[in-house]
Amino acid sequence: MENSSFSSMRITYVSIIVLCVFLSFFNLFYYPVVSDNFDFWHVGKAISVGMSGHIEPDYQNAGYYVFGVMIAELASLPYEALPTLPLQAVAVIIVSIALLRGVVGRRSYSALALILAMLVFVSKYGNKSYFMYYCHGLGFVLAITLCLTLLLYLKSLALEKRQALSILIILIVFSLNYISYKLVFFSVVLVVGVLVVDWLYNFRWRGESRFRPGLTKLALFSIVFTFAFNQILYQGFIPRLQEASESPFSGLDKLILSFYNPNATPFDAYYFTYPAGVRNALTVWLALLLLSVLVTTLYLAYKFYRGEELSNGEKVTFGFILAGISVFGIYNLLGLSVFEYLVYSGLIGYLLLYSIARGSTMHRHLVVASLLVLLALNGYITMMSYEDQYRGIRDYNSFGYVTVPADWYVEKAPYDDPSVEGSLYTDVFTGGLIAAGMKKTELVDRYYPRTFSEDQMALLLLHDDEGLKNPDDVFIINYRLTYFSAESWVTFNSWSNYRSTLDENPLLNKIYSSGDIGCVSRYA
């Protein structure tokens, strides 16, 4: 009992330490940076829900928007402030620490290793959607809560406890279907992965051929409910996966481009690439964490092969790694490299490897040294990049440099002229800000902003008139951003590098300029 109390007290102390460090780090380097380029698109949808007072049940991420409206109304916050505040930080930090401690189980563990693993996490992702209000970040809170609940479910022998935990698992999966399409897929794979690992182990080494009945029902519920009610699977994922068969490694291709640009096509010179120092640091950082995932996976596979007992924490860890690999594989086909769940798996792996190295001081020192190197790399990357990297998405004037030109556009756009069929195109971040402003004024969707396509980028940068499909189209250029995203997660260098290219484009006519924002259309 005393050991249990001591462990709980230690977890409390670790949580307080990590939370204090995170808040200091966040206020010093990040506030008021938004967590994702898509943030303000979601803000616009939340504004629509708040103004109308209702939402259709099949609306994508409906639960996320409703929860956002509740937070904004109860706290009297402007909707635009939601993406800049670390509203999920307390939940993410406390649940993560409880999960990391739970994975280790009864083995001895070090509060130092736990603190270091969490500091690596918060110092690298302190400005990301894990901590800021965002659909996938809120989904991540539920996903790691699901991991913790599965851990408790596997440990529980009492029927009443398993029934209560089963209800909680069902509620989490149900909620995820209305909050995050990415994390609901992750969670389904996690539950199925834990079920399969548990069955394989029991079948091979205990001669038990049956799945756990309760866990099987939970896995079936997760699969059936998700495929029955999650419309984005049919409207978004499956059609895009069919298109992606032509380029199965498009996500990795874009990741490689951000580290090394071969200049093999005319566009390559315009793609965003990290500075050399940051690029090298990120390479070492990612290698250390993926090495942890690899070593942990090999260790668990070796234990399974030898017939050694797998702890419940090890089964959940294996399921987490499998889910992380699955999300990475699916999103790679869609055109994006999603490493963050494998990174989190790497941190779990380091703590697990530390706990099993009870008889080897050298191995424990190696784990601690790796975590210290990761922490140092985080500090270097932050210090080298945060001033430039967040230029344009960090603004203490409520992003007025975008909203003022957007208001001009809203005022001048010919909404009542049916002969005008043009659309507004811009980058993802700027488009979200404009979309939020349009939702406030309840403007028609005809002028709702869209993101630059590849053809339009060819028009703007390469002077290729194939991208000018509609003569009434308008293009808004944000010169302040260090880099910007276009359609399909393609990232380009700052427009400020190409002012002369735009000015000399014979196909374009400049119709507005505020210095930071430019607006061009077809040359008349």
Protein backbone atom coordinates (compact mmCIF):
# COMPACT_ATOMS: atom_id res chain seq x y z
CA MET A 1 0.00 0.00 0.00
CA GLU A 2 2.85 2.35 0.87
CA ASN A 3 4.60 1.53 -2.41
CA SER A 4 1.39 2.28 -4.31
CA SER A 5 1.00 5.61 -2.52
CA PHE A 6 4.65 6.45 -3.15
CA SER A 7 4.23 5.62 -6.85
CA SER A 8 1.12 7.82 -7.09
CA MET A 9 2.90 10.69 -5.35
CA ARG A 10 5.85 10.34 -7.70
CA ILE A 11 3.56 10.46 -10.74
CA THR A 12 1.93 13.59 -9.31
CA TYR A 13 5.31 15.26 -8.85
CA VAL A 14 6.40 14.30 -12.36
CA SER A 15 3.16 15.70 -13.78
CA ILE A 16 3.61 19.02 -11.99
CA ILE A 17 7.25 19.33 -13.08
CA VAL A 18 6.51 18.55 -16.74
CA LEU A 19 3.45 20.81 -16.83
CA CYS A 20 5.40 23.76 -15.37
CA VAL A 21 8.25 23.26 -17.84
CA PHE A 22 5.80 22.99 -20.73
CA LEU A 23 3.91 26.17 -19.83
CA SER A 24 7.17 28.12 -19.46
CA PHE A 25 8.46 26.75 -22.76
CA PHE A 26 5.16 27.45 -24.50
CA ASN A 27 4.91 31.06 -23.31
CA LEU A 28 8.55 31.77 -24.12
CA PHE A 29 8.70 30.32 -27.63
CA TYR A 30 5.26 29.64 -29.05
CA TYR A 31 2.36 31.76 -27.86
CA PRO A 32 0.31 32.74 -29.87
CA VAL A 33 1.41 30.32 -32.61
CA VAL A 34 -1.33 28.16 -34.13
CA SER A 35 -0.75 24.43 -34.16
CA ASP A 36 -1.60 23.59 -37.75
CA ASN A 37 -2.15 25.32 -41.09
CA PHE A 38 -5.71 23.97 -41.13
CA ASP A 39 -6.67 25.47 -37.76
CA PHE A 40 -8.71 28.40 -39.00
CA TRP A 41 -10.65 26.29 -41.49
CA HIS A 42 -11.97 24.45 -38.46
CA VAL A 43 -12.57 27.77 -36.67
CA GLY A 44 -14.78 28.85 -39.57
CA LYS A 45 -16.86 25.70 -39.29
CA ALA A 46 -17.16 26.14 -35.52
CA ILE A 47 -18.38 29.71 -36.11
CA SER A 48 -21.07 28.36 -38.46
CA VAL A 49 -22.21 25.88 -35.82
CA GLY A 50 -22.24 28.57 -33.12
CA MET A 51 -24.19 31.04 -35.26
CA SER A 52 -26.78 28.54 -36.50
CA GLY A 53 -27.19 26.76 -33.18
CA HIS A 54 -27.30 23.28 -34.71
CA ILE A 55 -25.21 20.79 -36.65
CA GLU A 56 -26.07 17.82 -38.82
CA PRO A 57 -25.10 14.47 -37.20
CA ASP A 58 -23.23 13.32 -40.32
CA TYR A 59 -21.13 16.51 -40.39
CA GLN A 60 -17.44 15.59 -40.46
CA ASN A 61 -15.85 15.99 -36.97
CA ALA A 62 -19.22 17.14 -35.58
CA GLY A 63 -18.25 16.43 -31.97
CA TYR A 64 -15.09 18.51 -32.26
CA TYR A 65 -16.99 21.56 -33.52
CA VAL A 66 -19.72 21.27 -30.89
CA PHE A 67 -17.12 20.96 -28.12
CA GLY A 68 -15.30 24.01 -29.52
CA VAL A 69 -18.51 26.05 -29.44
CA MET A 70 -19.10 24.97 -25.83
CA ILE A 71 -15.58 26.04 -24.78
CA ALA A 72 -15.83 29.39 -26.58
CA GLU A 73 -19.25 30.21 -25.16
CA LEU A 74 -18.61 29.06 -21.58
CA ALA A 75 -15.21 30.78 -21.35
CA SER A 76 -16.31 33.86 -23.36
CA LEU A 77 -13.42 33.29 -25.77
CA PRO A 78 -13.38 34.44 -29.39
CA TYR A 79 -13.37 31.44 -31.71
CA GLU A 80 -10.13 32.65 -33.30
CA ALA A 81 -8.34 32.28 -29.94
CA LEU A 82 -9.04 28.54 -29.62
CA PRO A 83 -6.14 27.33 -31.83
CA THR A 84 -3.60 29.53 -29.99
CA LEU A 85 -4.25 28.23 -26.46
CA PRO A 86 -2.86 24.98 -24.94
CA LEU A 87 -6.31 23.81 -23.88
CA GLN A 88 -5.41 20.10 -23.97
CA ALA A 89 -2.01 20.35 -22.27
CA VAL A 90 -3.05 19.22 -18.78
CA ALA A 91 -4.95 16.19 -20.10
CA VAL A 92 -2.20 15.14 -22.54
CA ILE A 93 0.58 15.43 -19.96
CA ILE A 94 -1.20 13.66 -17.10
CA VAL A 95 -2.62 10.82 -19.24
CA SER A 96 0.74 10.36 -21.00
CA ILE A 97 2.60 10.06 -17.70
CA ALA A 98 0.01 7.60 -16.37
CA LEU A 99 0.27 5.56 -19.59
CA LEU A 100 4.08 5.50 -19.59
CA ARG A 101 4.07 4.42 -15.95
CA GLY A 102 1.39 1.81 -16.65
CA VAL A 103 3.34 0.27 -19.52
CA VAL A 104 6.30 -0.34 -17.20
CA GLY A 105 4.01 -2.06 -14.71
CA ARG A 106 5.55 -3.33 -11.50
CA ARG A 107 9.10 -3.12 -12.78
CA SER A 108 11.39 -0.55 -11.26
CA TYR A 109 11.41 2.69 -13.19
CA SER A 110 13.18 5.99 -12.87
CA ALA A 111 11.35 9.26 -12.33
CA LEU A 112 14.29 10.86 -14.15
CA ALA A 113 13.75 8.71 -17.27
CA LEU A 114 10.02 9.43 -17.15
CA ILE A 115 10.61 13.19 -16.84
CA LEU A 116 13.18 13.15 -19.67
CA ALA A 117 10.84 11.23 -21.99
CA MET A 118 8.03 13.70 -21.31
CA LEU A 119 10.31 16.72 -21.73
CA VAL A 120 11.42 15.39 -25.12
CA PHE A 121 7.73 15.12 -26.03
CA VAL A 122 6.62 18.57 -24.85
CA SER A 123 9.69 20.42 -26.14
CA LYS A 124 9.27 19.02 -29.66
CA TYR A 125 5.49 19.09 -29.92
CA GLY A 126 4.69 21.93 -27.50
CA ASN A 127 3.10 24.01 -30.24
CA LYS A 128 1.34 21.15 -32.00
CA SER A 129 -2.20 19.89 -31.93
CA TYR A 130 -1.43 17.49 -29.07
CA PHE A 131 -1.65 20.51 -26.77
CA MET A 132 -3.65 23.05 -28.78
CA TYR A 133 -7.35 22.70 -29.56
CA TYR A 134 -7.48 20.74 -32.81
CA CYS A 135 -9.54 17.75 -33.94
CA HIS A 136 -6.64 15.28 -34.18
CA GLY A 137 -5.13 16.60 -30.95
CA LEU A 138 -8.39 16.08 -29.09
CA GLY A 139 -8.56 12.67 -30.72
CA PHE A 140 -5.04 11.92 -29.47
CA VAL A 141 -6.13 12.64 -25.88
CA LEU A 142 -8.89 10.06 -26.32
CA ALA A 143 -6.54 7.60 -28.06
CA ILE A 144 -3.97 7.54 -25.25
CA THR A 145 -6.86 7.36 -22.76
CA LEU A 146 -8.01 4.31 -24.71
CA CYS A 147 -4.51 2.80 -24.35
CA LEU A 148 -4.61 3.36 -20.61
CA THR A 149 -8.13 1.89 -20.40
CA LEU A 150 -7.06 -1.19 -22.39
CA LEU A 151 -4.17 -1.63 -20.00
CA LEU A 152 -6.53 -1.56 -17.03
CA TYR A 153 -8.94 -3.90 -18.84
CA LEU A 154 -6.23 -6.52 -19.42
CA LYS A 155 -5.14 -6.31 -15.78
CA SER A 156 -8.65 -6.49 -14.29
CA LEU A 157 -9.90 -9.82 -13.02
CA ALA A 158 -13.18 -8.63 -11.51
CA LEU A 159 -16.14 -8.85 -13.89
CA GLU A 160 -17.62 -5.57 -12.66
CA LYS A 161 -14.42 -3.67 -13.42
CA ARG A 162 -14.13 -5.17 -16.90
CA GLN A 163 -17.74 -4.25 -17.66
CA ALA A 164 -17.18 -0.66 -16.53
CA LEU A 165 -13.98 -0.41 -18.58
CA SER A 166 -15.75 -1.94 -21.59
CA ILE A 167 -18.35 0.83 -21.46
CA LEU A 168 -15.57 3.42 -21.31
CA ILE A 169 -13.82 1.87 -24.34
CA ILE A 170 -17.09 1.90 -26.30
CA LEU A 171 -17.68 5.56 -25.41
CA ILE A 172 -14.14 6.51 -26.50
CA VAL A 173 -14.46 4.76 -29.88
CA PHE A 174 -17.92 6.26 -30.35
CA SER A 175 -16.60 9.76 -29.58
CA LEU A 176 -13.57 9.40 -31.84
CA ASN A 177 -15.83 8.77 -34.82
CA TYR A 178 -17.21 12.29 -34.38
CA ILE A 179 -13.94 14.01 -33.45
CA SER A 180 -10.97 12.69 -35.46
CA TYR A 181 -11.04 10.44 -38.52
CA LYS A 182 -7.28 9.90 -38.18
CA LEU A 183 -7.33 8.79 -34.55
CA VAL A 184 -10.41 6.59 -34.89
CA PHE A 185 -8.48 4.53 -37.46
CA PHE A 186 -5.50 4.48 -35.09
CA SER A 187 -7.71 3.31 -32.22
CA VAL A 188 -9.40 0.55 -34.21
CA VAL A 189 -6.00 -0.85 -35.23
CA LEU A 190 -4.82 -0.50 -31.62
CA VAL A 191 -7.74 -2.53 -30.20
CA VAL A 192 -7.48 -5.18 -32.92
CA GLY A 193 -3.69 -5.31 -32.53
CA VAL A 194 -3.88 -5.89 -28.78
CA LEU A 195 -6.54 -8.57 -29.33
CA VAL A 196 -4.44 -10.42 -31.94
CA VAL A 197 -1.20 -10.24 -29.93
CA ASP A 198 -3.02 -11.49 -26.82
CA TRP A 199 -4.59 -14.36 -28.79
CA LEU A 200 -1.36 -15.36 -30.57
CA TYR A 201 0.53 -15.49 -27.29
CA ASN A 202 -2.16 -17.53 -25.51
CA PHE A 203 -2.61 -19.85 -28.51
CA ARG A 204 1.08 -20.62 -28.97
CA TRP A 205 2.25 -20.89 -25.40
CA ARG A 206 -0.86 -21.70 -23.38
CA GLY A 207 -2.78 -23.79 -25.88
CA GLU A 208 -5.84 -21.52 -25.64
CA SER A 209 -7.45 -21.25 -29.09
CA ARG A 210 -10.21 -18.78 -28.19
CA PHE A 211 -10.02 -15.01 -28.28
CA ARG A 212 -10.90 -13.18 -25.09
CA PRO A 213 -14.70 -12.87 -25.48
CA GLY A 214 -14.96 -9.36 -24.02
CA LEU A 215 -12.01 -7.97 -25.96
CA THR A 216 -13.28 -9.62 -29.16
CA LYS A 217 -16.65 -7.92 -28.80
CA LEU A 218 -14.95 -4.55 -28.25
CA ALA A 219 -12.82 -5.01 -31.37
CA LEU A 220 -15.87 -6.01 -33.45
CA PHE A 221 -17.83 -3.02 -32.15
CA SER A 222 -14.95 -0.68 -33.06
CA ILE A 223 -14.74 -2.04 -36.61
CA VAL A 224 -18.49 -2.24 -37.30
CA PHE A 225 -19.38 1.14 -35.80
CA THR A 226 -16.54 2.92 -37.60
CA PHE A 227 -17.32 1.43 -41.02
CA ALA A 228 -21.05 1.96 -40.55
CA PHE A 229 -21.10 5.56 -39.35
CA ASN A 230 -17.79 7.20 -40.29
CA GLN A 231 -18.68 8.73 -43.65
CA ILE A 232 -15.23 10.17 -44.32
CA LEU A 233 -14.00 6.63 -44.98
CA TYR A 234 -16.21 6.49 -48.05
CA GLN A 235 -16.20 10.17 -49.02
CA GLY A 236 -12.50 10.88 -48.46
CA PHE A 237 -10.13 8.06 -47.59
CA ILE A 238 -11.21 5.27 -49.94
CA PRO A 239 -11.49 7.46 -53.10
CA ARG A 240 -8.10 9.04 -52.38
CA LEU A 241 -6.51 5.67 -51.69
CA GLN A 242 -7.71 4.47 -55.09
CA GLU A 243 -6.09 7.51 -56.71
CA ALA A 244 -2.90 6.99 -54.66
CA SER A 245 -2.17 3.61 -56.23
CA GLU A 246 -0.27 5.44 -58.98
CA SER A 247 2.22 6.94 -56.48
CA PRO A 248 2.37 4.70 -53.38
CA PHE A 249 5.34 6.56 -51.83
CA SER A 250 4.16 10.14 -52.33
CA GLY A 251 4.30 10.90 -48.59
CA LEU A 252 7.90 9.73 -48.31
CA ASP A 253 8.77 11.63 -51.48
CA LYS A 254 7.57 14.88 -49.90
CA LEU A 255 9.43 14.11 -46.68
CA ILE A 256 12.66 13.53 -48.61
CA LEU A 257 12.12 16.78 -50.52
CA SER A 258 11.96 18.70 -47.23
CA PHE A 259 15.40 17.29 -46.33
CA TYR A 260 17.05 17.06 -49.74
CA ASN A 261 15.99 18.76 -52.98
CA PRO A 262 17.34 17.09 -56.15
CA ASN A 263 16.08 19.90 -58.45
CA ALA A 264 14.92 17.27 -60.92
CA THR A 265 11.77 19.16 -62.03
CA PRO A 266 11.03 22.87 -62.59
CA PHE A 267 9.01 22.92 -59.35
CA ASP A 268 11.76 21.48 -57.15
CA ALA A 269 13.51 24.84 -56.75
CA TYR A 270 10.38 26.23 -55.08
CA TYR A 271 9.71 23.42 -52.59
CA PHE A 272 10.43 24.10 -48.92
CA THR A 273 13.64 22.52 -47.58
CA TYR A 274 14.95 22.75 -44.01
CA PRO A 275 18.18 24.69 -43.39
CA ALA A 276 21.23 22.40 -43.25
CA GLY A 277 21.70 22.53 -39.45
CA VAL A 278 18.04 21.89 -38.67
CA ARG A 279 17.90 19.18 -41.33
CA ASN A 280 20.83 17.30 -39.79
CA ALA A 281 19.43 17.67 -36.27
CA LEU A 282 16.01 16.39 -37.35
CA THR A 283 17.63 13.42 -39.09
CA VAL A 284 19.49 12.36 -35.93
CA TRP A 285 16.40 13.06 -33.79
CA LEU A 286 14.14 10.91 -35.94
CA ALA A 287 16.75 8.15 -36.24
CA LEU A 288 17.10 7.89 -32.44
CA LEU A 289 13.35 7.56 -31.95
CA LEU A 290 12.82 5.10 -34.80
CA LEU A 291 15.75 3.07 -33.45
CA SER A 292 13.89 2.85 -30.14
CA VAL A 293 10.78 1.61 -31.99
CA LEU A 294 12.86 -1.00 -33.84
CA VAL A 295 14.69 -2.26 -30.74
CA THR A 296 11.46 -2.41 -28.73
CA THR A 297 9.69 -4.33 -31.51
CA LEU A 298 12.58 -6.80 -31.81
CA TYR A 299 12.65 -7.25 -28.03
CA LEU A 300 8.91 -7.99 -27.90
CA ALA A 301 9.16 -10.34 -30.91
CA TYR A 302 12.08 -12.16 -29.26
CA LYS A 303 10.12 -12.60 -26.03
CA PHE A 304 7.19 -13.97 -28.01
CA TYR A 305 9.47 -16.36 -29.93
CA ARG A 306 11.06 -17.62 -26.71
CA GLY A 307 7.69 -18.10 -25.06
CA GLU A 308 8.44 -15.64 -22.27
CA GLU A 309 5.40 -14.02 -20.71
CA LEU A 310 4.37 -10.71 -22.25
CA SER A 311 3.14 -8.17 -19.74
CA ASN A 312 -0.07 -6.26 -20.39
CA GLY A 313 1.99 -3.12 -20.90
CA GLU A 314 4.07 -4.87 -23.56
CA LYS A 315 0.93 -6.04 -25.37
CA VAL A 316 -0.43 -2.48 -25.43
CA THR A 317 2.96 -1.16 -26.57
CA PHE A 318 2.98 -3.65 -29.44
CA GLY A 319 -0.55 -2.56 -30.39
CA PHE A 320 0.47 1.12 -30.23
CA ILE A 321 3.46 0.53 -32.53
CA LEU A 322 1.28 -1.43 -34.97
CA ALA A 323 -1.30 1.38 -35.02
CA GLY A 324 1.44 3.98 -35.55
CA ILE A 325 2.87 2.02 -38.49
CA SER A 326 -0.63 1.63 -39.97
CA VAL A 327 -1.37 5.37 -39.81
CA PHE A 328 2.03 6.11 -41.35
CA GLY A 329 1.39 3.64 -44.17
CA ILE A 330 -2.10 4.93 -44.99
CA TYR A 331 -1.12 8.60 -44.93
CA ASN A 332 1.98 7.90 -46.98
CA LEU A 333 -0.35 6.65 -49.73
CA LEU A 334 -2.43 9.81 -49.36
CA GLY A 335 0.67 11.99 -49.72
CA LEU A 336 1.71 12.88 -46.14
CA SER A 337 4.32 11.42 -43.79
CA VAL A 338 2.77 11.04 -40.32
CA PHE A 339 5.56 10.08 -37.93
CA GLU A 340 4.20 11.50 -34.67
CA TYR A 341 2.64 8.26 -33.41
CA LEU A 342 5.81 6.33 -34.15
CA VAL A 343 7.71 9.08 -32.30
CA TYR A 344 5.43 8.62 -29.30
CA SER A 345 5.97 4.85 -29.61
CA GLY A 346 9.71 5.55 -29.47
CA LEU A 347 9.32 7.39 -26.17
CA ILE A 348 7.27 4.50 -24.76
CA GLY A 349 10.01 2.20 -26.03
CA TYR A 350 12.78 4.10 -24.25
CA LEU A 351 10.98 3.87 -20.92
CA LEU A 352 10.22 0.18 -21.44
CA LEU A 353 13.84 -0.55 -22.40
CA TYR A 354 15.03 1.33 -19.32
CA SER A 355 12.75 -0.70 -17.06
CA ILE A 356 13.90 -4.09 -18.40
CA ALA A 357 17.60 -3.19 -18.07
CA ARG A 358 17.57 -3.69 -14.30
CA GLY A 359 20.78 -5.68 -14.31
CA SER A 360 22.69 -3.48 -16.73
CA THR A 361 23.77 -0.03 -15.62
CA MET A 362 25.35 0.56 -19.01
CA HIS A 363 22.05 -0.02 -20.85
CA ARG A 364 20.22 2.31 -18.51
CA HIS A 365 22.86 4.98 -18.97
CA LEU A 366 22.51 4.52 -22.74
CA VAL A 367 18.75 5.13 -22.55
CA VAL A 368 19.20 8.24 -20.39
CA ALA A 369 21.95 9.53 -22.70
CA SER A 370 19.68 9.03 -25.74
CA LEU A 371 16.89 11.00 -24.07
CA LEU A 372 19.33 13.79 -23.14
CA VAL A 373 20.56 13.94 -26.75
CA LEU A 374 16.96 14.13 -27.98
CA LEU A 375 16.26 16.94 -25.53
CA ALA A 376 19.39 18.83 -26.64
CA LEU A 377 18.39 18.41 -30.30
CA ASN A 378 14.93 19.79 -29.51
CA GLY A 379 16.53 22.84 -27.93
CA TYR A 380 18.82 23.36 -30.92
CA ILE A 381 15.99 23.00 -33.45
CA THR A 382 13.78 25.41 -31.50
CA MET A 383 16.48 28.04 -31.11
CA MET A 384 17.54 27.80 -34.76
CA SER A 385 14.12 27.84 -36.36
CA TYR A 386 11.38 29.33 -34.21
CA GLU A 387 11.96 33.00 -35.10
CA ASP A 388 11.78 32.38 -38.84
CA GLN A 389 9.63 29.28 -38.98
CA TYR A 390 6.67 30.89 -37.22
CA ARG A 391 6.77 34.20 -39.05
CA GLY A 392 3.27 34.85 -40.33
CA ILE A 393 1.48 32.28 -38.16
CA ARG A 394 2.55 34.05 -34.96
CA ASP A 395 0.83 37.41 -34.68
CA TYR A 396 -0.02 39.51 -31.62
CA ASN A 397 -2.54 41.60 -33.56
CA SER A 398 -5.12 38.86 -34.16
CA PHE A 399 -3.72 38.25 -37.64
CA GLY A 400 -4.89 41.66 -38.79
CA TYR A 401 -2.33 41.60 -41.60
CA VAL A 402 -4.56 38.96 -43.25
CA THR A 403 -8.02 39.92 -42.03
CA VAL A 404 -7.85 43.53 -43.26
CA PRO A 405 -7.13 42.50 -46.89
CA ALA A 406 -9.71 39.72 -46.50
CA ASP A 407 -12.32 42.30 -45.47
CA TRP A 408 -11.41 44.31 -48.57
CA TYR A 409 -11.97 41.24 -50.71
CA VAL A 410 -15.31 40.51 -49.02
CA GLU A 411 -16.42 44.09 -49.67
CA LYS A 412 -15.35 44.19 -53.34
CA ALA A 413 -16.27 40.69 -54.51
CA PRO A 414 -19.24 40.76 -56.95
CA TYR A 415 -21.53 38.39 -55.08
CA ASP A 416 -24.69 39.47 -56.87
CA ASP A 417 -23.32 39.19 -60.40
CA PRO A 418 -24.29 35.75 -61.77
CA SER A 419 -21.99 36.20 -64.78
CA VAL A 420 -18.91 36.13 -62.54
CA GLU A 421 -17.90 32.54 -61.85
CA GLY A 422 -14.46 32.98 -60.35
CA SER A 423 -13.15 31.57 -57.08
CA LEU A 424 -10.64 32.74 -54.51
CA TYR A 425 -7.43 30.70 -54.21
CA THR A 426 -4.69 31.00 -51.61
CA ASP A 427 -2.51 28.89 -49.30
CA VAL A 428 -3.97 26.69 -46.57
CA PHE A 429 -3.24 28.97 -43.60
CA THR A 430 -4.39 32.23 -45.22
CA GLY A 431 -7.44 30.52 -46.68
CA GLY A 432 -8.50 29.36 -43.23
CA LEU A 433 -8.34 32.91 -41.85
CA ILE A 434 -10.39 34.23 -44.77
CA ALA A 435 -12.87 31.36 -44.43
CA ALA A 436 -13.41 32.16 -40.74
CA GLY A 437 -14.14 35.80 -41.64
CA MET A 438 -16.58 34.77 -44.35
CA LYS A 439 -18.46 32.47 -42.01
CA LYS A 440 -18.97 35.41 -39.64
CA THR A 441 -20.63 37.40 -42.43
CA GLU A 442 -22.60 34.35 -43.63
CA LEU A 443 -21.42 34.78 -47.21
CA VAL A 444 -22.30 32.33 -49.94
CA ASP A 445 -20.04 29.34 -50.54
CA ARG A 446 -19.31 30.51 -54.08
CA TYR A 447 -16.58 32.76 -52.71
CA TYR A 448 -15.39 30.39 -50.01
CA PRO A 449 -11.57 30.20 -50.42
CA ARG A 450 -9.86 27.24 -52.02
CA THR A 451 -6.22 26.15 -51.87
CA PHE A 452 -3.66 26.45 -54.66
CA SER A 453 -3.56 23.45 -56.99
CA GLU A 454 -0.44 22.30 -58.83
CA ASP A 455 -1.69 23.91 -62.06
CA GLN A 456 -2.21 27.24 -60.30
CA MET A 457 1.25 27.14 -58.75
CA ALA A 458 2.59 26.55 -62.27
CA LEU A 459 0.68 29.62 -63.42
CA LEU A 460 2.03 31.80 -60.61
CA LEU A 461 5.64 30.59 -60.55
CA LEU A 462 6.33 29.16 -64.01
CA HIS A 463 4.08 31.50 -66.05
CA ASP A 464 2.17 28.50 -67.40
CA ASP A 465 -1.28 29.59 -68.65
CA GLU A 466 -2.69 26.04 -68.24
CA GLY A 467 -3.43 26.96 -64.63
CA LEU A 468 -5.72 29.83 -65.60
CA LYS A 469 -8.87 27.81 -66.17
CA ASN A 470 -11.30 30.55 -65.12
CA PRO A 471 -10.62 34.19 -66.04
CA ASP A 472 -12.46 35.44 -62.95
CA ASP A 473 -10.27 33.55 -60.46
CA VAL A 474 -8.50 35.64 -57.81
CA PHE A 475 -5.23 34.64 -56.07
CA ILE A 476 -4.24 35.96 -52.64
CA ILE A 477 -0.50 35.83 -51.89
CA ASN A 478 0.78 35.87 -48.28
CA TYR A 479 4.37 37.16 -48.34
CA ARG A 480 4.87 36.99 -44.58
CA LEU A 481 4.80 33.19 -44.23
CA THR A 482 8.20 31.49 -44.14
CA TYR A 483 6.67 28.59 -46.05
CA PHE A 484 3.14 27.72 -47.10
CA SER A 485 1.08 24.66 -47.96
CA ALA A 486 -0.88 24.12 -51.15
CA GLU A 487 -3.17 21.29 -52.22
CA SER A 488 -2.27 17.73 -51.11
CA TRP A 489 0.12 18.89 -48.35
CA VAL A 490 2.73 20.21 -50.79
CA THR A 491 4.92 22.82 -49.04
CA PHE A 492 6.62 25.71 -50.82
CA ASN A 493 9.19 28.33 -49.82
CA SER A 494 8.00 31.81 -48.86
CA TRP A 495 6.34 33.92 -51.54
CA SER A 496 8.69 36.72 -50.45
CA ASN A 497 11.46 34.90 -52.35
CA TYR A 498 9.51 35.20 -55.58
CA ARG A 499 8.09 38.74 -55.60
CA SER A 500 9.92 39.56 -58.82
CA THR A 501 8.65 36.34 -60.43
CA LEU A 502 5.07 37.36 -59.68
CA ASP A 503 5.61 41.00 -60.69
CA GLU A 504 7.07 39.95 -64.05
CA ASN A 505 4.33 37.41 -64.81
CA PRO A 506 2.62 38.66 -68.01
CA LEU A 507 -0.48 36.58 -67.26
CA LEU A 508 -1.29 38.33 -63.97
CA ASN A 509 -2.63 41.70 -62.94
CA LYS A 510 -1.99 43.04 -59.42
CA ILE A 511 -5.25 44.39 -57.98
CA TYR A 512 -4.33 44.83 -54.31
CA SER A 513 -1.21 45.04 -52.15
CA SER A 514 -0.69 45.76 -48.46
CA GLY A 515 2.97 44.77 -48.35
CA ASP A 516 2.38 41.46 -46.56
CA ILE A 517 -0.59 40.47 -48.71
CA GLY A 518 -0.98 40.71 -52.46
CA CYS A 519 -3.99 39.97 -54.62
CA VAL A 520 -3.69 39.13 -58.34
CA SER A 521 -6.03 38.07 -61.12
CA ARG A 522 -5.84 37.43 -64.84
CA TYR A 523 -4.30 40.24 -66.83
CA ALA A 524 -7.17 42.03 -68.59
